[in-house]
Amino acid sequence: MEELTVDLAVIGSGPAGQKAAIQAAKLGKTVAIIEKYPDPGGNCLNTGTIPSKSLREAILHLTGFYDHSFYGKDYKMREVSISQLNYRLSRVMEQERQMIRRQFHKNGIVLVQGTAHFESDKTLLVADDHSKVYKRIHSKFILIATGSKPRNPQNVPFDKEVILDSTRLLSIENVPKTMIVLGGGIIGSEYASFFSALGTKVTVADKKEHMLPYLDSEIGIHLQTALADIGLEFIGKKIPEKIERRGDVAVVSFTDGSVREADVLLYALGRTANADSLALDKVGIELDAWGHIPVNALFQTVLPNVYAVGDVIGGPALASTSMEQGRLASRHAFGEETHHFPSFYPVGIYTIPEISSCGYTEEELQDLGFHYEVGRAYYYEIARSHISGDDVGMFKLLFHAETLEILGVHIIGRGATEVIHIGQVAMSFNAHIDYFINQVFNYPTFAEGYRVAALNGYNKLKHRK
């Protein structure tokens, strides 16, 4: 059996594992990273974030989605085949793989292909695709960054054609005419909007009354209106009782007695941590009630030399937050100056239209008893939107009515996940709403929505001249 000794062994090469490994290498440490896929990138690159966001961009570009703004709603968008979409996905994914490999090579990180599990708190065994153990890795520190996978209950008859999870969906051979999406969370909402843009008749069912219920409610309503305009139907207060395949059709029976059927069903009711193959019991690590690995504020498990980061420890389960968790864990392991993970960060949701936010929602401010005001700018007020062929969206700024401190930024519309960082930086420096009023923004840009929204909110304050 091959033997390898390093300072840090990282299980998983997704965003969290990558950044942890690179940070350790920058500190002069020897690092090995173990990845079950033949290529690096983890679930994020192979089945998750990168494929789904690449799919979104390909759909918007190839269909000419925004052209209907210029030619009217009767404008027939271009038909797109799965092969066209897959070509775009494969190009992006290969570019990302090459980039990750270059980074690993540049930093002297050893990439080991296989499935790792614990032999002891400082030793990992790596098995090949045939479950044969072929390598033992000794390491002073071990970091678990194995991510998550779709939650697949045993009573759901998944296949590769009709009843799908988000991973299987990427392998379908044709664009379906009809689709049922079970789950109005981020993954369900994103894929539902993608296929609606392709012309599929999509129905989203969820036990909640609205899609993405944790959003600022005004933003959520704006989203559902935009999705309804492209043909998506949402049915709330629906709990699936039975899911089955009848011939080439998926059929869902709900607890209220209603039944829906479609060419394809996407089951998007949660994800679960990838922890079942790690042999955690050998080192005394137990999962919590939600199936996640418990960690402290420094991302240490019950074993001080074993860290866990990313989706495997639960929320927020974003690629962006996972990257920072990995970096911080690596710095702490090797005694470098660090800080606790920030509680303030943006969230991006890549529906069509996209959404991004940071800070408080209006509902949270109401519950906390804040005296606040709201500034709004609608995309139809912004020249850049007309130029881009998309006037769906809004900026919503929440600020304290007396101090003018910015309390929350919520954006829905084209470029939302990019321009959110302007609001994030402003809030980080405790800027007040008049900061946006007194600055000059490039024109025409989406970003000037901040100034329009700030003026709108500022002018509502009766005691201001």
Protein backbone atom coordinates (compact mmCIF):
# COMPACT_ATOMS: atom_id res chain seq x y z
CA MET A 1 0.00 0.00 0.00
CA GLU A 2 1.26 3.49 -0.87
CA GLU A 3 2.06 5.75 2.08
CA LEU A 4 1.92 9.55 2.06
CA THR A 5 2.65 12.01 4.89
CA VAL A 6 1.51 15.64 4.77
CA ASP A 7 0.74 18.54 7.09
CA LEU A 8 -2.88 18.80 5.94
CA ALA A 9 -5.15 16.26 4.29
CA VAL A 10 -8.33 17.66 2.77
CA ILE A 11 -11.26 15.41 1.88
CA GLY A 12 -13.12 17.00 -1.03
CA SER A 13 -11.96 19.45 -3.71
CA GLY A 14 -15.01 21.68 -3.92
CA PRO A 15 -14.81 25.41 -3.05
CA ALA A 16 -14.23 24.79 0.69
CA GLY A 17 -11.55 22.16 0.17
CA GLN A 18 -9.78 24.15 -2.56
CA LYS A 19 -9.40 27.29 -0.47
CA ALA A 20 -8.34 25.38 2.64
CA ALA A 21 -5.68 23.51 0.67
CA ILE A 22 -4.36 26.60 -1.11
CA GLN A 23 -4.22 28.61 2.12
CA ALA A 24 -2.18 25.87 3.82
CA ALA A 25 0.14 25.69 0.83
CA LYS A 26 0.65 29.46 0.95
CA LEU A 27 1.73 28.99 4.56
CA GLY A 28 4.44 26.60 3.39
CA LYS A 29 2.66 23.39 4.44
CA THR A 30 2.50 20.12 2.53
CA VAL A 31 -1.04 19.34 1.41
CA ALA A 32 -2.92 16.41 -0.11
CA ILE A 33 -6.49 16.75 -1.32
CA ILE A 34 -8.63 13.67 -1.93
CA GLU A 35 -11.42 13.79 -4.50
CA LYS A 36 -13.81 10.97 -5.43
CA TYR A 37 -14.47 12.33 -8.94
CA PRO A 38 -11.88 11.72 -11.69
CA ASP A 39 -11.48 15.48 -11.95
CA PRO A 40 -11.19 18.13 -9.20
CA GLY A 41 -13.95 20.54 -8.31
CA GLY A 42 -16.25 18.44 -6.17
CA ASN A 43 -20.02 18.57 -6.41
CA CYS A 44 -19.89 22.32 -7.03
CA LEU A 45 -18.16 21.86 -10.38
CA ASN A 46 -19.40 18.44 -11.40
CA THR A 47 -23.09 18.50 -10.48
CA GLY A 48 -23.97 21.73 -8.68
CA THR A 49 -23.23 25.43 -8.85
CA ILE A 50 -21.10 25.66 -11.99
CA PRO A 51 -23.29 23.44 -14.23
CA SER A 52 -26.53 25.06 -13.07
CA LYS A 53 -25.28 28.63 -13.50
CA SER A 54 -23.69 27.75 -16.84
CA LEU A 55 -27.01 26.24 -17.90
CA ARG A 56 -28.78 29.46 -16.97
CA GLU A 57 -26.42 31.64 -19.00
CA ALA A 58 -26.61 29.29 -21.99
CA ILE A 59 -30.41 29.33 -21.94
CA LEU A 60 -30.61 33.13 -21.75
CA HIS A 61 -28.11 33.55 -24.59
CA LEU A 62 -29.16 30.79 -26.97
CA THR A 63 -32.92 31.40 -26.73
CA GLY A 64 -32.59 35.16 -27.14
CA PHE A 65 -34.60 35.45 -23.93
CA TYR A 66 -34.26 39.21 -23.57
CA ASP A 67 -35.22 39.93 -27.19
CA HIS A 68 -38.94 39.78 -26.39
CA SER A 69 -38.50 43.12 -24.61
CA PHE A 70 -37.74 44.72 -27.97
CA TYR A 71 -40.11 42.74 -30.19
CA GLY A 72 -43.06 42.10 -27.85
CA LYS A 73 -44.32 39.09 -25.94
CA ASP A 74 -45.43 37.42 -29.17
CA TYR A 75 -41.79 37.17 -30.20
CA LYS A 76 -40.93 33.51 -30.60
CA MET A 77 -37.71 32.63 -28.82
CA ARG A 78 -35.21 30.36 -30.53
CA GLU A 79 -35.54 26.66 -29.77
CA VAL A 80 -32.57 25.14 -28.01
CA SER A 81 -31.55 21.48 -27.86
CA ILE A 82 -30.03 19.66 -24.91
CA SER A 83 -26.92 18.98 -27.01
CA GLN A 84 -26.40 22.74 -27.49
CA LEU A 85 -26.72 23.30 -23.75
CA ASN A 86 -24.45 20.38 -22.91
CA TYR A 87 -21.77 21.72 -25.24
CA ARG A 88 -21.73 25.02 -23.36
CA LEU A 89 -21.70 23.24 -20.00
CA SER A 90 -18.83 20.95 -20.96
CA ARG A 91 -16.69 23.85 -22.20
CA VAL A 92 -17.18 25.82 -18.98
CA MET A 93 -16.59 22.81 -16.76
CA GLU A 94 -13.40 21.84 -18.58
CA GLN A 95 -12.04 25.37 -18.29
CA GLU A 96 -12.77 25.33 -14.56
CA ARG A 97 -11.09 21.93 -14.12
CA GLN A 98 -7.97 23.13 -15.89
CA MET A 99 -7.87 26.23 -13.72
CA ILE A 100 -8.14 24.18 -10.50
CA ARG A 101 -5.44 21.76 -11.67
CA ARG A 102 -3.14 24.70 -12.45
CA GLN A 103 -3.71 26.14 -8.99
CA PHE A 104 -2.98 22.81 -7.31
CA HIS A 105 0.17 22.31 -9.39
CA LYS A 106 1.39 25.87 -8.79
CA ASN A 107 0.98 25.43 -5.03
CA GLY A 108 2.45 21.92 -4.85
CA ILE A 109 -0.82 20.34 -3.71
CA VAL A 110 -1.02 16.59 -4.25
CA LEU A 111 -4.36 15.55 -5.81
CA VAL A 112 -5.42 12.00 -4.90
CA GLN A 113 -8.35 10.41 -6.71
CA GLY A 114 -10.52 8.12 -4.62
CA THR A 115 -12.87 7.90 -1.65
CA ALA A 116 -11.32 8.65 1.74
CA HIS A 117 -12.32 7.35 5.15
CA PHE A 118 -10.79 7.56 8.60
CA GLU A 119 -8.48 4.89 9.95
CA SER A 120 -7.56 7.07 12.94
CA ASP A 121 -7.71 10.74 13.86
CA LYS A 122 -4.48 11.31 11.92
CA THR A 123 -4.72 8.68 9.21
CA LEU A 124 -6.93 8.35 6.15
CA LEU A 125 -7.36 5.37 3.86
CA VAL A 126 -8.19 6.00 0.21
CA ALA A 127 -10.12 3.50 -1.91
CA ASP A 128 -10.28 3.41 -5.69
CA ASP A 129 -13.43 3.14 -7.83
CA HIS A 130 -13.59 -0.59 -7.07
CA SER A 131 -13.56 0.04 -3.29
CA LYS A 132 -10.01 -1.29 -2.98
CA VAL A 133 -7.89 0.63 -0.48
CA TYR A 134 -4.64 1.61 -2.19
CA LYS A 135 -3.25 4.56 -0.22
CA ARG A 136 -2.75 5.56 3.40
CA ILE A 137 -2.33 9.26 4.18
CA HIS A 138 -0.81 10.42 7.46
CA SER A 139 -1.56 14.00 8.41
CA LYS A 140 -1.25 16.22 11.46
CA PHE A 141 -4.51 17.94 10.49
CA ILE A 142 -7.49 16.65 8.51
CA LEU A 143 -10.20 18.82 7.00
CA ILE A 144 -13.55 17.40 5.88
CA ALA A 145 -15.10 19.26 2.94
CA THR A 146 -17.23 16.56 1.33
CA GLY A 147 -20.22 18.77 0.57
CA SER A 148 -23.79 17.56 0.15
CA LYS A 149 -26.02 15.60 -2.21
CA PRO A 150 -29.73 15.64 -3.08
CA ARG A 151 -31.95 14.15 -0.40
CA ASN A 152 -33.44 11.05 -2.04
CA PRO A 153 -36.07 9.30 0.09
CA GLN A 154 -36.39 5.57 -0.55
CA ASN A 155 -40.08 5.84 -1.38
CA VAL A 156 -39.36 8.04 -4.40
CA PRO A 157 -38.67 5.89 -7.51
CA PHE A 158 -35.84 7.88 -9.04
CA ASP A 159 -34.64 6.97 -12.53
CA LYS A 160 -32.63 8.76 -15.21
CA GLU A 161 -35.46 9.82 -17.49
CA VAL A 162 -38.65 10.87 -15.69
CA ILE A 163 -38.24 11.13 -11.91
CA LEU A 164 -35.09 13.11 -11.25
CA ASP A 165 -33.04 14.94 -8.66
CA SER A 166 -30.88 17.96 -9.50
CA THR A 167 -27.92 15.74 -10.42
CA ARG A 168 -29.89 13.42 -12.71
CA LEU A 169 -31.58 16.41 -14.36
CA LEU A 170 -28.27 17.43 -15.95
CA SER A 171 -28.25 14.17 -17.95
CA ILE A 172 -31.67 14.34 -19.65
CA GLU A 173 -31.63 13.99 -23.43
CA ASN A 174 -34.53 16.26 -24.45
CA VAL A 175 -36.19 19.44 -23.29
CA PRO A 176 -39.46 18.26 -21.70
CA LYS A 177 -42.79 19.81 -22.66
CA THR A 178 -44.05 19.71 -19.07
CA MET A 179 -42.32 19.54 -15.70
CA ILE A 180 -43.32 19.31 -12.05
CA VAL A 181 -40.85 20.69 -9.51
CA LEU A 182 -41.36 19.58 -5.93
CA GLY A 183 -39.77 22.23 -3.75
CA GLY A 184 -39.82 26.01 -3.93
CA GLY A 185 -36.38 26.51 -2.36
CA ILE A 186 -33.30 27.79 -4.14
CA ILE A 187 -32.55 24.72 -6.27
CA GLY A 188 -36.17 24.07 -7.22
CA SER A 189 -36.81 27.73 -8.03
CA GLU A 190 -33.67 28.09 -10.12
CA TYR A 191 -34.26 25.03 -12.29
CA ALA A 192 -37.97 25.82 -12.59
CA SER A 193 -37.16 29.25 -14.01
CA PHE A 194 -34.51 27.81 -16.36
CA PHE A 195 -36.91 25.37 -17.97
CA SER A 196 -39.71 27.92 -18.10
CA ALA A 197 -37.36 30.11 -20.13
CA LEU A 198 -36.81 27.13 -22.47
CA GLY A 199 -40.55 26.94 -23.09
CA THR A 200 -41.35 24.03 -20.77
CA LYS A 201 -44.67 24.29 -18.93
CA VAL A 202 -43.43 24.18 -15.33
CA THR A 203 -45.46 23.71 -12.16
CA VAL A 204 -43.75 24.24 -8.79
CA ALA A 205 -45.39 22.67 -5.73
CA ASP A 206 -44.39 23.39 -2.15
CA LYS A 207 -45.90 23.16 1.33
CA LYS A 208 -45.22 26.88 1.82
CA GLU A 209 -47.53 29.60 0.51
CA HIS A 210 -44.79 31.22 -1.58
CA MET A 211 -41.58 30.30 -3.35
CA LEU A 212 -38.39 31.18 -1.46
CA PRO A 213 -40.37 32.16 1.67
CA TYR A 214 -37.36 33.43 3.61
CA LEU A 215 -36.84 36.29 1.14
CA ASP A 216 -38.04 39.78 1.86
CA SER A 217 -41.72 39.21 1.03
CA GLU A 218 -41.94 42.06 -1.48
CA ILE A 219 -39.01 40.60 -3.40
CA GLY A 220 -40.64 37.15 -3.27
CA ILE A 221 -43.89 38.50 -4.70
CA HIS A 222 -41.93 40.30 -7.42
CA LEU A 223 -40.24 37.00 -8.31
CA GLN A 224 -43.47 35.02 -8.56
CA THR A 225 -45.01 37.70 -10.76
CA ALA A 226 -41.99 37.62 -13.07
CA LEU A 227 -42.07 33.81 -13.24
CA ALA A 228 -45.80 33.78 -13.93
CA ASP A 229 -45.12 36.10 -16.88
CA ILE A 230 -42.94 33.41 -18.47
CA GLY A 231 -45.54 30.71 -17.88
CA LEU A 232 -44.51 29.16 -14.56
CA GLU A 233 -47.28 28.05 -12.22
CA PHE A 234 -46.81 27.86 -8.45
CA ILE A 235 -49.14 25.88 -6.21
CA GLY A 236 -48.66 26.30 -2.49
CA LYS A 237 -49.74 24.34 0.57
CA LYS A 238 -49.09 21.10 -1.30
CA ILE A 239 -47.54 18.05 0.35
CA PRO A 240 -46.72 15.07 -1.91
CA GLU A 241 -48.15 11.77 -0.68
CA LYS A 242 -47.16 9.46 -3.53
CA ILE A 243 -44.77 9.83 -6.46
CA GLU A 244 -44.82 7.29 -9.26
CA ARG A 245 -43.95 6.76 -12.88
CA ARG A 246 -46.71 5.60 -15.19
CA GLY A 247 -45.24 4.77 -18.56
CA ASP A 248 -43.29 7.85 -19.59
CA VAL A 249 -45.11 10.21 -17.25
CA ALA A 250 -44.46 11.27 -13.65
CA VAL A 251 -47.54 11.38 -11.44
CA VAL A 252 -47.76 13.10 -8.04
CA SER A 253 -50.63 12.57 -5.63
CA PHE A 254 -50.91 15.20 -2.90
CA THR A 255 -52.34 14.83 0.59
CA ASP A 256 -55.28 17.09 -0.30
CA GLY A 257 -56.43 14.58 -2.94
CA SER A 258 -55.20 16.52 -5.97
CA VAL A 259 -53.06 14.87 -8.66
CA ARG A 260 -50.58 16.35 -11.14
CA GLU A 261 -48.64 14.72 -13.94
CA ALA A 262 -45.84 15.80 -16.27
CA ASP A 263 -43.17 14.51 -18.63
CA VAL A 264 -40.52 15.07 -15.97
CA LEU A 265 -40.49 15.50 -12.21
CA LEU A 266 -37.69 17.26 -10.36
CA TYR A 267 -37.50 16.33 -6.69
CA ALA A 268 -35.86 19.29 -4.96
CA LEU A 269 -36.88 18.89 -1.33
CA GLY A 270 -33.57 19.37 0.41
CA ARG A 271 -30.02 18.11 0.43
CA THR A 272 -28.09 15.95 2.87
CA ALA A 273 -24.47 15.95 3.99
CA ASN A 274 -21.96 13.66 2.26
CA ALA A 275 -20.73 11.94 5.40
CA ASP A 276 -21.83 8.30 5.18
CA SER A 277 -18.57 7.00 3.63
CA LEU A 278 -16.14 8.71 6.03
CA ALA A 279 -16.21 6.06 8.81
CA LEU A 280 -16.65 8.83 11.37
CA ASP A 281 -17.55 6.29 14.05
CA LYS A 282 -13.92 5.13 14.07
CA VAL A 283 -12.81 8.50 15.44
CA GLY A 284 -15.82 9.29 17.63
CA ILE A 285 -17.45 11.97 15.47
CA GLU A 286 -21.25 11.82 15.58
CA LEU A 287 -23.65 13.61 13.25
CA ASP A 288 -26.23 16.00 14.66
CA ALA A 289 -30.01 15.60 14.35
CA TRP A 290 -29.93 17.04 10.81
CA GLY A 291 -27.15 14.73 9.64
CA HIS A 292 -24.42 17.39 9.72
CA ILE A 293 -21.00 17.30 11.35
CA PRO A 294 -21.02 19.51 14.47
CA VAL A 295 -18.20 22.05 14.70
CA ASN A 296 -17.27 24.97 16.94
CA ALA A 297 -16.85 28.58 15.83
CA LEU A 298 -13.37 27.72 14.53
CA PHE A 299 -14.68 24.74 12.50
CA GLN A 300 -13.11 22.12 14.75
CA THR A 301 -14.98 18.88 15.33
CA VAL A 302 -14.84 17.08 18.69
CA LEU A 303 -11.28 16.23 17.61
CA PRO A 304 -9.19 19.44 17.71
CA ASN A 305 -7.06 18.37 14.74
CA VAL A 306 -10.04 17.44 12.55
CA TYR A 307 -11.94 20.30 10.94
CA ALA A 308 -15.12 20.35 8.83
CA VAL A 309 -16.37 23.11 6.53
CA GLY A 310 -18.93 23.76 3.80
CA ASP A 311 -22.22 21.99 3.19
CA VAL A 312 -21.22 19.04 5.36
CA ILE A 313 -21.68 21.22 8.48
CA GLY A 314 -25.02 22.67 7.36
CA GLY A 315 -26.02 26.25 6.52
CA PRO A 316 -25.46 28.65 4.95
CA ALA A 317 -24.24 26.07 2.40
CA LEU A 318 -23.13 28.56 -0.24
CA ALA A 319 -20.02 28.17 -2.38
CA SER A 320 -18.94 31.67 -1.35
CA THR A 321 -19.29 31.07 2.38
CA SER A 322 -17.72 27.62 2.10
CA MET A 323 -14.60 29.12 0.53
CA GLU A 324 -14.12 31.48 3.48
CA GLN A 325 -14.80 28.71 6.00
CA GLY A 326 -12.08 26.59 4.41
CA ARG A 327 -9.58 29.44 4.43
CA LEU A 328 -10.27 30.32 8.06
CA ALA A 329 -10.09 26.70 9.23
CA SER A 330 -6.74 26.25 7.53
CA ARG A 331 -5.32 29.41 9.09
CA HIS A 332 -6.47 28.37 12.55
CA ALA A 333 -5.02 24.88 12.20
CA PHE A 334 -1.55 26.28 11.58
CA GLY A 335 -1.67 28.98 14.23
CA GLU A 336 -2.07 31.97 11.92
CA GLU A 337 -4.02 35.09 12.81
CA THR A 338 -7.68 34.57 11.98
CA HIS A 339 -11.17 35.70 12.92
CA HIS A 340 -14.59 34.19 13.38
CA PHE A 341 -16.70 33.59 10.29
CA PRO A 342 -18.60 36.79 9.42
CA SER A 343 -22.34 36.91 10.05
CA PHE A 344 -22.79 39.49 7.29
CA TYR A 345 -22.51 38.33 3.68
CA PRO A 346 -24.57 38.47 0.47
CA VAL A 347 -26.82 35.70 -0.76
CA GLY A 348 -27.27 35.16 -4.50
CA ILE A 349 -30.13 33.22 -6.09
CA TYR A 350 -29.84 32.57 -9.82
CA THR A 351 -33.46 32.41 -10.79
CA ILE A 352 -34.67 34.26 -13.88
CA PRO A 353 -34.70 37.09 -12.81
CA GLU A 354 -31.82 36.72 -10.35
CA ILE A 355 -31.97 37.87 -6.73
CA SER A 356 -29.37 38.99 -4.24
CA SER A 357 -29.55 40.47 -0.78
CA CYS A 358 -27.63 41.30 2.37
CA GLY A 359 -28.75 42.58 5.73
CA TYR A 360 -32.21 42.61 7.26
CA THR A 361 -35.49 41.94 5.48
CA GLU A 362 -38.43 44.27 6.07
CA GLU A 363 -40.21 41.58 8.09
CA GLU A 364 -37.20 41.19 10.38
CA LEU A 365 -37.06 44.93 11.00
CA GLN A 366 -40.74 44.94 11.89
CA ASP A 367 -40.27 42.09 14.34
CA LEU A 368 -37.32 43.90 15.93
CA GLY A 369 -39.28 47.14 16.25
CA PHE A 370 -36.97 49.26 14.08
CA HIS A 371 -38.14 52.67 12.90
CA TYR A 372 -37.15 52.30 9.28
CA GLU A 373 -37.88 53.66 5.84
CA VAL A 374 -37.81 52.02 2.40
CA GLY A 375 -36.32 53.32 -0.82
CA ARG A 376 -37.21 51.67 -4.12
CA ALA A 377 -35.98 51.89 -7.68
CA TYR A 378 -37.70 49.86 -10.35
CA TYR A 379 -35.75 48.58 -13.30
CA TYR A 380 -38.13 50.30 -15.69
CA GLU A 381 -36.75 53.60 -14.27
CA ILE A 382 -33.18 52.68 -15.20
CA ALA A 383 -31.93 53.35 -18.72
CA ARG A 384 -29.47 50.43 -18.63
CA SER A 385 -32.43 48.06 -18.28
CA HIS A 386 -34.03 49.31 -21.48
CA ILE A 387 -30.74 49.05 -23.34
CA SER A 388 -30.30 45.45 -22.11
CA GLY A 389 -33.83 44.43 -22.99
CA ASP A 390 -34.95 43.66 -19.47
CA ASP A 391 -37.06 46.00 -17.35
CA VAL A 392 -38.12 43.40 -14.75
CA GLY A 393 -36.71 44.05 -11.30
CA MET A 394 -36.19 46.45 -8.43
CA PHE A 395 -33.74 47.78 -5.86
CA LYS A 396 -35.03 47.89 -2.30
CA LEU A 397 -33.01 49.73 0.34
CA LEU A 398 -33.96 49.57 4.01
CA PHE A 399 -32.54 52.24 6.31
CA HIS A 400 -33.05 53.66 9.79
CA ALA A 401 -35.48 56.58 9.69
CA GLU A 402 -33.48 58.67 12.20
CA THR A 403 -29.83 57.75 11.73
CA LEU A 404 -30.16 56.93 8.00
CA GLU A 405 -27.97 53.85 8.54
CA ILE A 406 -28.42 51.26 5.79
CA LEU A 407 -30.00 48.12 7.27
CA GLY A 408 -30.70 45.94 4.27
CA VAL A 409 -30.24 45.76 0.50
CA HIS A 410 -32.45 43.58 -1.70
CA ILE A 411 -32.19 43.45 -5.48
CA ILE A 412 -34.14 41.42 -8.02
CA GLY A 413 -33.30 41.75 -11.68
CA ARG A 414 -30.50 41.47 -14.17
CA GLY A 415 -27.05 41.85 -12.63
CA ALA A 416 -28.38 41.63 -9.07
CA THR A 417 -25.66 39.23 -7.88
CA GLU A 418 -22.98 41.57 -9.22
CA VAL A 419 -24.21 44.97 -7.99
CA ILE A 420 -25.16 43.69 -4.52
CA HIS A 421 -21.53 44.09 -3.49
CA ILE A 422 -21.80 47.87 -3.68
CA GLY A 423 -24.44 47.74 -0.96
CA GLN A 424 -22.45 45.14 0.96
CA VAL A 425 -19.35 47.33 1.06
CA ALA A 426 -21.37 50.40 2.03
CA MET A 427 -23.00 48.53 4.91
CA SER A 428 -19.65 47.12 6.04
CA PHE A 429 -18.41 50.69 6.51
CA ASN A 430 -21.64 51.75 8.26
CA ALA A 431 -22.60 54.08 5.42
CA HIS A 432 -25.83 56.03 5.58
CA ILE A 433 -28.42 56.27 2.82
CA ASP A 434 -27.27 59.76 1.80
CA TYR A 435 -23.93 58.23 0.78
CA PHE A 436 -25.58 56.95 -2.39
CA ILE A 437 -27.26 60.32 -2.99
CA ASN A 438 -24.02 62.27 -2.79
CA GLN A 439 -22.03 60.00 -5.10
CA VAL A 440 -21.85 60.05 -8.89
CA PHE A 441 -22.61 56.73 -10.61
CA ASN A 442 -21.69 55.77 -14.15
CA TYR A 443 -24.59 56.26 -16.54
CA PRO A 444 -26.21 54.17 -17.88
CA THR A 445 -25.64 51.32 -15.40
CA PHE A 446 -27.70 48.99 -13.25
CA ALA A 447 -25.73 50.27 -10.25
CA GLU A 448 -27.32 53.72 -10.43
CA GLY A 449 -30.40 51.99 -9.05
CA TYR A 450 -28.80 52.58 -5.64
CA ARG A 451 -28.98 56.35 -6.13
CA VAL A 452 -32.54 56.28 -7.44
CA ALA A 453 -33.68 54.09 -4.53
CA ALA A 454 -31.82 56.25 -2.00
CA LEU A 455 -33.49 59.41 -3.28
CA ASN A 456 -36.87 57.68 -3.23
CA GLY A 457 -36.46 56.68 0.41
CA TYR A 458 -34.86 59.95 1.55
CA ASN A 459 -37.68 62.01 0.10
CA LYS A 460 -40.20 60.09 2.21
CA LEU A 461 -38.77 61.48 5.42
CA LYS A 462 -41.12 64.34 6.27
CA HIS A 463 -38.67 66.14 8.52
CA ARG A 464 -36.07 66.39 5.76
CA LYS A 465 -36.10 69.38 3.48
